[in-house]
Structures are given as structure tokens and as C-alpha cells.
Amino acid sequence: MAAVVLVHGLYHRPEHFDLVAERLRRAGVEVAAPELHKGSLSADTAAVQAVIDSLPEPPIVLGHSYGGSVITGLRGVGHLVYLAAFVPDADESAAGLGGASLQLKDAINPEPDGSTSLHPDRAADTLYGDCPEPLAAWAVDLLRAQAPGCGRGIPERHSWKRTPSTYVVCAQDRAIDPVLQRKMASRCTDAREWQTGHSPFVGQPDLIVELLRELLAANTPRQ
């Protein structure tokens, strides 16, 4: 069975995928969730590529939000999953595609060192507004400061042009406009639409687990 690689977005950490990763591992699936925050899109992409290169066969790779820009630049992937994520084409960046909603921009705090962070109360409503309050609080506590410029990075490769891909539109998203998501979904092989906010890996992890197990089964060769 192929592995699953989970790629987080800006301000997030691999631990935000814990609820998904735990369920997949209990089902016998190998899961990797690389840490980004390397300072640039190219460095973040290289960190994920190193994980993929260490695996014995092409994995299914899910990218959330900014993580879509990261997975777009990868090679050696069996299937791409874009979860409320950016799907840049040539000379496009996440910021250039439309970037953050006004609500998300309002949650951003500039830090003295040039990085940015998210105001906890505003982040909870914007990113996890449809999640149970204890889970939203857990997710907000995990958020970390973000180096500048990553969202303006342009991928060097465009793997969705050669690799099967699935886009998941989060129709109640307050961080990335669902209209923009549907436009980007048209670039992918397949599209789904869920009535969730921006972060179903927190509020409805079973939706993601079900999708990934479906894709794993479809990509497993028959004996």
C-alpha cells in the first residue's frame, strides 16, 4: 500500500493533521507529515521532496491551503490531493491567485522581525469556525509565526499537469473564497465539494480519511 504524505499550510504544523494521521495509521497506512517553515516555497518543497524520495513507491500527497503550492512543485507522486489549496500554473503564486480572504488578512499580526502571526480569536473563527470549540482551541494553540514571502513563491514545476489529482472545495471556507477554490479545482482531474470550513482535518477528520482510503484502494494494484 502506498504511503500518504500530509502537507500543512501557512502558520500550521504537522501536528494539525494528528487526528487524520492517527486514524490512517490504525488502518495500517504509512503516514508522513513534514514540517515546513523553511523560509521559502522552494525550501518547503525541497523538504517534502526529501520525504517522497525516501519512500519505496510514489505516495498520495495531500496539500492544504498554501501546501497546494508546495505539492505542485513535487515529482514522483502517485496522486495529488488539494484541500482548499492553491493550484498555481506557470508564473502564478498563491498570493497572485487571490491569497487570503479579507477576514484572514484581518487576523494577521505583523511581528517586529518581519514575520507574521495570527490573532488567536480571529484565527479560531476564520480557520476553525465550524469545529467543536475544544478542537478549535487545540488547533489555535498549535499555530506558529510565519516567515514572510512564502505565499508569493512560484513553483518551479507543475505536477498537476502530469499527475492524477483531486481537489476538495470547502464550501463554507472563510479563509480562501470557495469561488476561487472552484476555479482552481477545474485544473484537477477530479473535484469534490464538502460543506466544511477551511480545516476539516480538525473538525471532520473522517471525511479526509475516507477520501484517502478510497484513493489508496484505487491506486493499489490487483494481485
C-alpha atoms as a PDB file:
ATOM      1  CA  MET A   1       0.000   0.000   0.000  1.00  0.00           C
ATOM      2  CA  ALA A   2       1.325   3.449  -0.909  1.00  0.00           C
ATOM      3  CA  ALA A   3       2.106   5.912   1.853  1.00  0.00           C
ATOM      4  CA  VAL A   4       0.260   9.178   2.475  1.00  0.00           C
ATOM      5  CA  VAL A   5       2.120  12.465   2.882  1.00  0.00           C
ATOM      6  CA  LEU A   6       0.231  15.336   4.564  1.00  0.00           C
ATOM      7  CA  VAL A   7       1.456  18.877   3.828  1.00  0.00           C
ATOM      8  CA  HIS A   8       0.230  21.681   6.066  1.00  0.00           C
ATOM      9  CA  GLY A   9      -0.421  25.316   5.223  1.00  0.00           C
ATOM     10  CA  LEU A  10       0.882  28.664   6.452  1.00  0.00           C
ATOM     11  CA  TYR A  11       1.006  29.148  10.234  1.00  0.00           C
ATOM     12  CA  HIS A  12       0.249  25.447  10.722  1.00  0.00           C
ATOM     13  CA  ARG A  13       2.321  22.488  11.916  1.00  0.00           C
ATOM     14  CA  PRO A  14       2.333  18.767  11.120  1.00  0.00           C
ATOM     15  CA  GLU A  15       0.516  18.193  14.420  1.00  0.00           C
ATOM     16  CA  HIS A  16      -2.601  19.809  12.966  1.00  0.00           C
ATOM     17  CA  PHE A  17      -3.010  16.569  10.975  1.00  0.00           C
ATOM     18  CA  ASP A  18      -2.803  14.339  14.080  1.00  0.00           C
ATOM     19  CA  LEU A  19      -6.482  13.341  14.036  1.00  0.00           C
ATOM     20  CA  VAL A  20      -6.193  12.223  10.409  1.00  0.00           C
ATOM     21  CA  ALA A  21      -2.788  10.592  10.780  1.00  0.00           C
ATOM     22  CA  GLU A  22      -3.811   8.556  13.831  1.00  0.00           C
ATOM     23  CA  ARG A  23      -6.862   7.133  12.048  1.00  0.00           C
ATOM     24  CA  LEU A  24      -4.856   6.246   8.939  1.00  0.00           C
ATOM     25  CA  ARG A  25      -2.120   4.568  10.956  1.00  0.00           C
ATOM     26  CA  ARG A  26      -4.692   2.480  12.831  1.00  0.00           C
ATOM     27  CA  ALA A  27      -5.848   1.294   9.396  1.00  0.00           C
ATOM     28  CA  GLY A  28      -2.302   0.216   8.543  1.00  0.00           C
ATOM     29  CA  VAL A  29      -1.385   3.191   6.337  1.00  0.00           C
ATOM     30  CA  GLU A  30       2.112   4.677   6.490  1.00  0.00           C
ATOM     31  CA  VAL A  31       1.810   8.437   7.063  1.00  0.00           C
ATOM     32  CA  ALA A  32       4.369  11.244   6.906  1.00  0.00           C
ATOM     33  CA  ALA A  33       3.686  14.886   7.784  1.00  0.00           C
ATOM     34  CA  PRO A  34       6.780  17.004   7.061  1.00  0.00           C
ATOM     35  CA  GLU A  35       7.488  20.260   8.848  1.00  0.00           C
ATOM     36  CA  LEU A  36       7.550  23.286   6.534  1.00  0.00           C
ATOM     37  CA  HIS A  37       8.581  26.755   7.786  1.00  0.00           C
ATOM     38  CA  LYS A  38      11.904  26.520   5.942  1.00  0.00           C
ATOM     39  CA  GLY A  39      11.732  30.168   4.859  1.00  0.00           C
ATOM     40  CA  SER A  40      10.647  29.960   1.214  1.00  0.00           C
ATOM     41  CA  LEU A  41       8.414  27.966  -1.107  1.00  0.00           C
ATOM     42  CA  SER A  42      11.422  26.334  -2.767  1.00  0.00           C
ATOM     43  CA  ALA A  43      12.860  25.268   0.603  1.00  0.00           C
ATOM     44  CA  ASP A  44       9.481  23.961   1.794  1.00  0.00           C
ATOM     45  CA  THR A  45       9.103  21.992  -1.441  1.00  0.00           C
ATOM     46  CA  ALA A  46      12.581  20.518  -1.033  1.00  0.00           C
ATOM     47  CA  ALA A  47      11.734  19.361   2.495  1.00  0.00           C
ATOM     48  CA  VAL A  48       8.674  17.463   1.251  1.00  0.00           C
ATOM     49  CA  GLN A  49      10.534  16.117  -1.788  1.00  0.00           C
ATOM     50  CA  ALA A  50      13.133  14.579   0.526  1.00  0.00           C
ATOM     51  CA  VAL A  51      10.371  12.627   2.279  1.00  0.00           C
ATOM     52  CA  ILE A  52       8.912  11.434  -1.027  1.00  0.00           C
ATOM     53  CA  ASP A  53      12.337  10.374  -2.292  1.00  0.00           C
ATOM     54  CA  SER A  54      12.760   8.201   0.824  1.00  0.00           C
ATOM     55  CA  LEU A  55       9.604   6.180   0.142  1.00  0.00           C
ATOM     56  CA  PRO A  56       9.639   2.908  -1.824  1.00  0.00           C
ATOM     57  CA  GLU A  57       6.778   3.901  -4.143  1.00  0.00           C
ATOM     58  CA  PRO A  58       5.006   7.108  -5.209  1.00  0.00           C
ATOM     59  CA  PRO A  59       2.750   8.272  -2.353  1.00  0.00           C
ATOM     60  CA  ILE A  60      -0.570  10.049  -2.246  1.00  0.00           C
ATOM     61  CA  VAL A  61       0.221  13.621  -1.236  1.00  0.00           C
ATOM     62  CA  LEU A  62      -2.344  15.982   0.298  1.00  0.00           C
ATOM     63  CA  GLY A  63      -1.650  19.699   0.470  1.00  0.00           C
ATOM     64  CA  HIS A  64      -3.794  22.100   2.494  1.00  0.00           C
ATOM     65  CA  SER A  65      -4.078  25.791   1.597  1.00  0.00           C
ATOM     66  CA  TYR A  66      -0.507  27.070   0.926  1.00  0.00           C
ATOM     67  CA  GLY A  67       0.501  23.414   0.949  1.00  0.00           C
ATOM     68  CA  GLY A  68      -1.042  23.250  -2.522  1.00  0.00           C
ATOM     69  CA  SER A  69       1.761  25.457  -3.843  1.00  0.00           C
ATOM     70  CA  VAL A  70       4.253  23.110  -2.194  1.00  0.00           C
ATOM     71  CA  ILE A  71       2.842  19.884  -3.662  1.00  0.00           C
ATOM     72  CA  THR A  72       2.542  21.491  -7.101  1.00  0.00           C
ATOM     73  CA  GLY A  73       6.336  21.578  -7.294  1.00  0.00           C
ATOM     74  CA  LEU A  74       6.902  17.899  -6.429  1.00  0.00           C
ATOM     75  CA  ARG A  75       7.966  14.947  -8.563  1.00  0.00           C
ATOM     76  CA  GLY A  76       7.426  11.230  -8.028  1.00  0.00           C
ATOM     77  CA  VAL A  77       3.890  11.494  -6.633  1.00  0.00           C
ATOM     78  CA  GLY A  78       1.182   8.915  -7.305  1.00  0.00           C
ATOM     79  CA  HIS A  79      -1.831  11.165  -6.671  1.00  0.00           C
ATOM     80  CA  LEU A  80      -2.222  14.799  -5.582  1.00  0.00           C
ATOM     81  CA  VAL A  81      -4.984  15.962  -3.241  1.00  0.00           C
ATOM     82  CA  TYR A  82      -5.620  19.705  -2.976  1.00  0.00           C
ATOM     83  CA  LEU A  83      -7.629  20.518   0.165  1.00  0.00           C
ATOM     84  CA  ALA A  84      -8.907  24.112  -0.050  1.00  0.00           C
ATOM     85  CA  ALA A  85      -5.492  24.605  -1.603  1.00  0.00           C
ATOM     86  CA  PHE A  86      -3.744  26.671  -4.237  1.00  0.00           C
ATOM     87  CA  VAL A  87      -3.112  25.124  -7.663  1.00  0.00           C
ATOM     88  CA  PRO A  88      -0.669  27.540  -9.317  1.00  0.00           C
ATOM     89  CA  ASP A  89       0.029  27.495 -13.026  1.00  0.00           C
ATOM     90  CA  ALA A  90       3.131  28.940 -14.709  1.00  0.00           C
ATOM     91  CA  ASP A  91       4.225  32.270 -13.178  1.00  0.00           C
ATOM     92  CA  GLU A  92       1.458  32.109 -10.559  1.00  0.00           C
ATOM     93  CA  SER A  93       1.762  32.242  -6.782  1.00  0.00           C
ATOM     94  CA  ALA A  94      -0.772  31.688  -4.013  1.00  0.00           C
ATOM     95  CA  ALA A  95      -0.845  35.428  -3.378  1.00  0.00           C
ATOM     96  CA  GLY A  96      -1.288  36.132  -7.084  1.00  0.00           C
ATOM     97  CA  LEU A  97      -4.230  33.750  -7.317  1.00  0.00           C
ATOM     98  CA  GLY A  98      -6.139  35.676  -4.675  1.00  0.00           C
ATOM     99  CA  GLY A  99      -4.467  34.648  -1.449  1.00  0.00           C
ATOM    100  CA  ALA A 100      -6.133  35.219   1.877  1.00  0.00           C
ATOM    101  CA  SER A 101      -9.696  36.439   2.357  1.00  0.00           C
ATOM    102  CA  LEU A 102     -10.288  39.828   3.973  1.00  0.00           C
ATOM    103  CA  GLN A 103     -11.281  38.002   7.146  1.00  0.00           C
ATOM    104  CA  LEU A 104      -7.999  36.098   7.228  1.00  0.00           C
ATOM    105  CA  LYS A 105      -5.984  39.226   6.438  1.00  0.00           C
ATOM    106  CA  ASP A 106      -7.691  40.926   9.384  1.00  0.00           C
ATOM    107  CA  ALA A 107      -6.413  38.129  11.645  1.00  0.00           C
ATOM    108  CA  ILE A 108      -2.754  38.635  10.675  1.00  0.00           C
ATOM    109  CA  ASN A 109      -0.440  40.384  13.136  1.00  0.00           C
ATOM    110  CA  PRO A 110       2.914  41.774  11.909  1.00  0.00           C
ATOM    111  CA  GLU A 111       5.846  40.847  14.165  1.00  0.00           C
ATOM    112  CA  PRO A 112       8.967  43.016  14.799  1.00  0.00           C
ATOM    113  CA  ASP A 113      11.252  40.554  12.975  1.00  0.00           C
ATOM    114  CA  GLY A 114       9.204  40.741   9.754  1.00  0.00           C
ATOM    115  CA  SER A 115       7.312  37.526  10.344  1.00  0.00           C
ATOM    116  CA  THR A 116       3.571  37.426  10.946  1.00  0.00           C
ATOM    117  CA  SER A 117       1.306  35.585  13.370  1.00  0.00           C
ATOM    118  CA  LEU A 118      -2.440  35.138  13.700  1.00  0.00           C
ATOM    119  CA  HIS A 119      -4.622  36.776  16.355  1.00  0.00           C
ATOM    120  CA  PRO A 120      -5.950  33.755  18.300  1.00  0.00           C
ATOM    121  CA  ASP A 121      -9.620  34.774  18.497  1.00  0.00           C
ATOM    122  CA  ARG A 122      -9.796  35.794  14.846  1.00  0.00           C
ATOM    123  CA  ALA A 123      -7.897  32.690  13.745  1.00  0.00           C
ATOM    124  CA  ALA A 124     -10.353  30.459  15.593  1.00  0.00           C
ATOM    125  CA  ASP A 125     -13.331  31.974  13.781  1.00  0.00           C
ATOM    126  CA  THR A 126     -11.648  32.135  10.368  1.00  0.00           C
ATOM    127  CA  LEU A 127      -9.854  28.792  10.236  1.00  0.00           C
ATOM    128  CA  TYR A 128     -11.844  26.608  12.645  1.00  0.00           C
ATOM    129  CA  GLY A 129     -15.244  28.299  12.894  1.00  0.00           C
ATOM    130  CA  ASP A 130     -17.133  25.076  12.149  1.00  0.00           C
ATOM    131  CA  CYS A 131     -15.066  22.937  14.545  1.00  0.00           C
ATOM    132  CA  PRO A 132     -16.051  21.961  18.101  1.00  0.00           C
ATOM    133  CA  GLU A 133     -14.702  24.600  20.481  1.00  0.00           C
ATOM    134  CA  PRO A 134     -12.188  22.339  22.292  1.00  0.00           C
ATOM    135  CA  LEU A 135     -10.703  21.187  18.975  1.00  0.00           C
ATOM    136  CA  ALA A 136     -10.597  24.763  17.653  1.00  0.00           C
ATOM    137  CA  ALA A 137      -8.750  25.870  20.789  1.00  0.00           C
ATOM    138  CA  TRP A 138      -6.293  22.974  20.407  1.00  0.00           C
ATOM    139  CA  ALA A 139      -5.636  23.929  16.779  1.00  0.00           C
ATOM    140  CA  VAL A 140      -5.165  27.626  17.579  1.00  0.00           C
ATOM    141  CA  ASP A 141      -2.636  26.766  20.308  1.00  0.00           C
ATOM    142  CA  LEU A 142      -0.566  24.894  17.704  1.00  0.00           C
ATOM    143  CA  LEU A 143      -0.324  27.842  15.293  1.00  0.00           C
ATOM    144  CA  ARG A 144       3.115  29.418  14.905  1.00  0.00           C
ATOM    145  CA  ALA A 145       4.589  32.549  13.361  1.00  0.00           C
ATOM    146  CA  GLN A 146       5.171  32.516   9.606  1.00  0.00           C
ATOM    147  CA  ALA A 147       8.202  33.845   7.740  1.00  0.00           C
ATOM    148  CA  PRO A 148       7.388  36.444   5.057  1.00  0.00           C
ATOM    149  CA  GLY A 149       7.209  35.773   1.359  1.00  0.00           C
ATOM    150  CA  CYS A 150       6.236  32.099   1.131  1.00  0.00           C
ATOM    151  CA  GLY A 151       2.818  32.871  -0.317  1.00  0.00           C
ATOM    152  CA  ARG A 152       4.483  34.841  -3.124  1.00  0.00           C
ATOM    153  CA  GLY A 153       6.671  31.904  -4.157  1.00  0.00           C
ATOM    154  CA  ILE A 154       6.218  30.439  -7.646  1.00  0.00           C
ATOM    155  CA  PRO A 155       6.593  26.659  -8.083  1.00  0.00           C
ATOM    156  CA  GLU A 156       9.342  25.509 -10.418  1.00  0.00           C
ATOM    157  CA  ARG A 157       7.264  22.502 -11.571  1.00  0.00           C
ATOM    158  CA  HIS A 158       3.530  21.995 -12.130  1.00  0.00           C
ATOM    159  CA  SER A 159       2.910  18.384 -11.188  1.00  0.00           C
ATOM    160  CA  TRP A 160      -0.887  18.587 -11.545  1.00  0.00           C
ATOM    161  CA  LYS A 161      -0.378  18.742 -15.317  1.00  0.00           C
ATOM    162  CA  ARG A 162       1.097  15.218 -15.336  1.00  0.00           C
ATOM    163  CA  THR A 163      -0.186  13.550 -12.153  1.00  0.00           C
ATOM    164  CA  PRO A 164      -3.760  12.466 -11.273  1.00  0.00           C
ATOM    165  CA  SER A 165      -5.259  14.975  -8.864  1.00  0.00           C
ATOM    166  CA  THR A 166      -8.322  15.514  -6.704  1.00  0.00           C
ATOM    167  CA  TYR A 167      -9.480  18.922  -5.499  1.00  0.00           C
ATOM    168  CA  VAL A 168     -11.645  19.286  -2.392  1.00  0.00           C
ATOM    169  CA  VAL A 169     -13.625  22.529  -2.270  1.00  0.00           C
ATOM    170  CA  CYS A 170     -14.531  23.569   1.283  1.00  0.00           C
ATOM    171  CA  ALA A 171     -17.797  25.370   0.598  1.00  0.00           C
ATOM    172  CA  GLN A 172     -18.038  27.132   3.986  1.00  0.00           C
ATOM    173  CA  ASP A 173     -14.426  28.335   3.931  1.00  0.00           C
ATOM    174  CA  ARG A 174     -13.793  31.767   5.462  1.00  0.00           C
ATOM    175  CA  ALA A 175     -10.074  31.864   4.646  1.00  0.00           C
ATOM    176  CA  ILE A 176      -9.987  31.107   0.896  1.00  0.00           C
ATOM    177  CA  ASP A 177     -13.022  32.047  -1.191  1.00  0.00           C
ATOM    178  CA  PRO A 178     -14.886  28.908  -2.359  1.00  0.00           C
ATOM    179  CA  VAL A 179     -15.416  30.630  -5.723  1.00  0.00           C
ATOM    180  CA  LEU A 180     -11.640  30.774  -6.169  1.00  0.00           C
ATOM    181  CA  GLN A 181     -11.386  27.165  -4.998  1.00  0.00           C
ATOM    182  CA  ARG A 182     -13.839  26.012  -7.670  1.00  0.00           C
ATOM    183  CA  LYS A 183     -11.820  27.855 -10.313  1.00  0.00           C
ATOM    184  CA  MET A 184      -8.649  26.090  -9.192  1.00  0.00           C
ATOM    185  CA  ALA A 185     -10.487  22.764  -8.961  1.00  0.00           C
ATOM    186  CA  SER A 186     -11.107  22.937 -12.702  1.00  0.00           C
ATOM    187  CA  ARG A 187      -7.374  22.346 -13.193  1.00  0.00           C
ATOM    188  CA  CYS A 188      -7.529  18.980 -11.434  1.00  0.00           C
ATOM    189  CA  THR A 189      -8.556  15.540 -12.667  1.00  0.00           C
ATOM    190  CA  ASP A 190     -11.414  15.250 -10.185  1.00  0.00           C
ATOM    191  CA  ALA A 191     -13.223  17.555  -7.751  1.00  0.00           C
ATOM    192  CA  ARG A 192     -15.293  17.076  -4.614  1.00  0.00           C
ATOM    193  CA  GLU A 193     -17.193  19.645  -2.564  1.00  0.00           C
ATOM    194  CA  TRP A 194     -17.654  19.406   1.182  1.00  0.00           C
ATOM    195  CA  GLN A 195     -19.854  21.617   3.362  1.00  0.00           C
ATOM    196  CA  THR A 196     -16.976  22.414   5.730  1.00  0.00           C
ATOM    197  CA  GLY A 197     -14.827  25.319   6.745  1.00  0.00           C
ATOM    198  CA  HIS A 198     -11.154  25.721   5.933  1.00  0.00           C
ATOM    199  CA  SER A 199      -9.861  22.963   8.220  1.00  0.00           C
ATOM    200  CA  PRO A 200     -11.804  19.682   8.031  1.00  0.00           C
ATOM    201  CA  PHE A 201      -8.728  17.818   9.320  1.00  0.00           C
ATOM    202  CA  VAL A 202      -9.652  19.347  12.700  1.00  0.00           C
ATOM    203  CA  GLY A 203     -13.451  19.316  12.657  1.00  0.00           C
ATOM    204  CA  GLN A 204     -14.241  16.347  10.395  1.00  0.00           C
ATOM    205  CA  PRO A 205     -11.115  14.207  10.035  1.00  0.00           C
ATOM    206  CA  ASP A 206     -13.103  11.140   8.989  1.00  0.00           C
ATOM    207  CA  LEU A 207     -14.003  12.876   5.712  1.00  0.00           C
ATOM    208  CA  ILE A 208     -10.321  13.119   4.828  1.00  0.00           C
ATOM    209  CA  VAL A 209      -9.553   9.587   6.000  1.00  0.00           C
ATOM    210  CA  GLU A 210     -12.388   8.199   3.874  1.00  0.00           C
ATOM    211  CA  LEU A 211     -11.172  10.074   0.778  1.00  0.00           C
ATOM    212  CA  LEU A 212      -7.570   8.993   1.233  1.00  0.00           C
ATOM    213  CA  ARG A 213      -8.507   5.359   1.818  1.00  0.00           C
ATOM    214  CA  GLU A 214     -10.651   5.487  -1.328  1.00  0.00           C
ATOM    215  CA  LEU A 215      -7.697   6.818  -3.331  1.00  0.00           C
ATOM    216  CA  LEU A 216      -5.336   4.273  -1.782  1.00  0.00           C
ATOM    217  CA  ALA A 217      -7.664   1.442  -2.786  1.00  0.00           C
ATOM    218  CA  ALA A 218      -7.952   2.796  -6.321  1.00  0.00           C
ATOM    219  CA  ASN A 219      -4.163   3.040  -6.617  1.00  0.00           C
ATOM    220  CA  THR A 220      -3.387  -0.420  -5.196  1.00  0.00           C
ATOM    221  CA  PRO A 221      -2.554  -2.936  -7.956  1.00  0.00           C
ATOM    222  CA  ARG A 222      -4.757  -6.054  -8.075  1.00  0.00           C
ATOM    223  CA  GLN A 223      -2.998  -9.280  -7.219  1.00  0.00           C
END
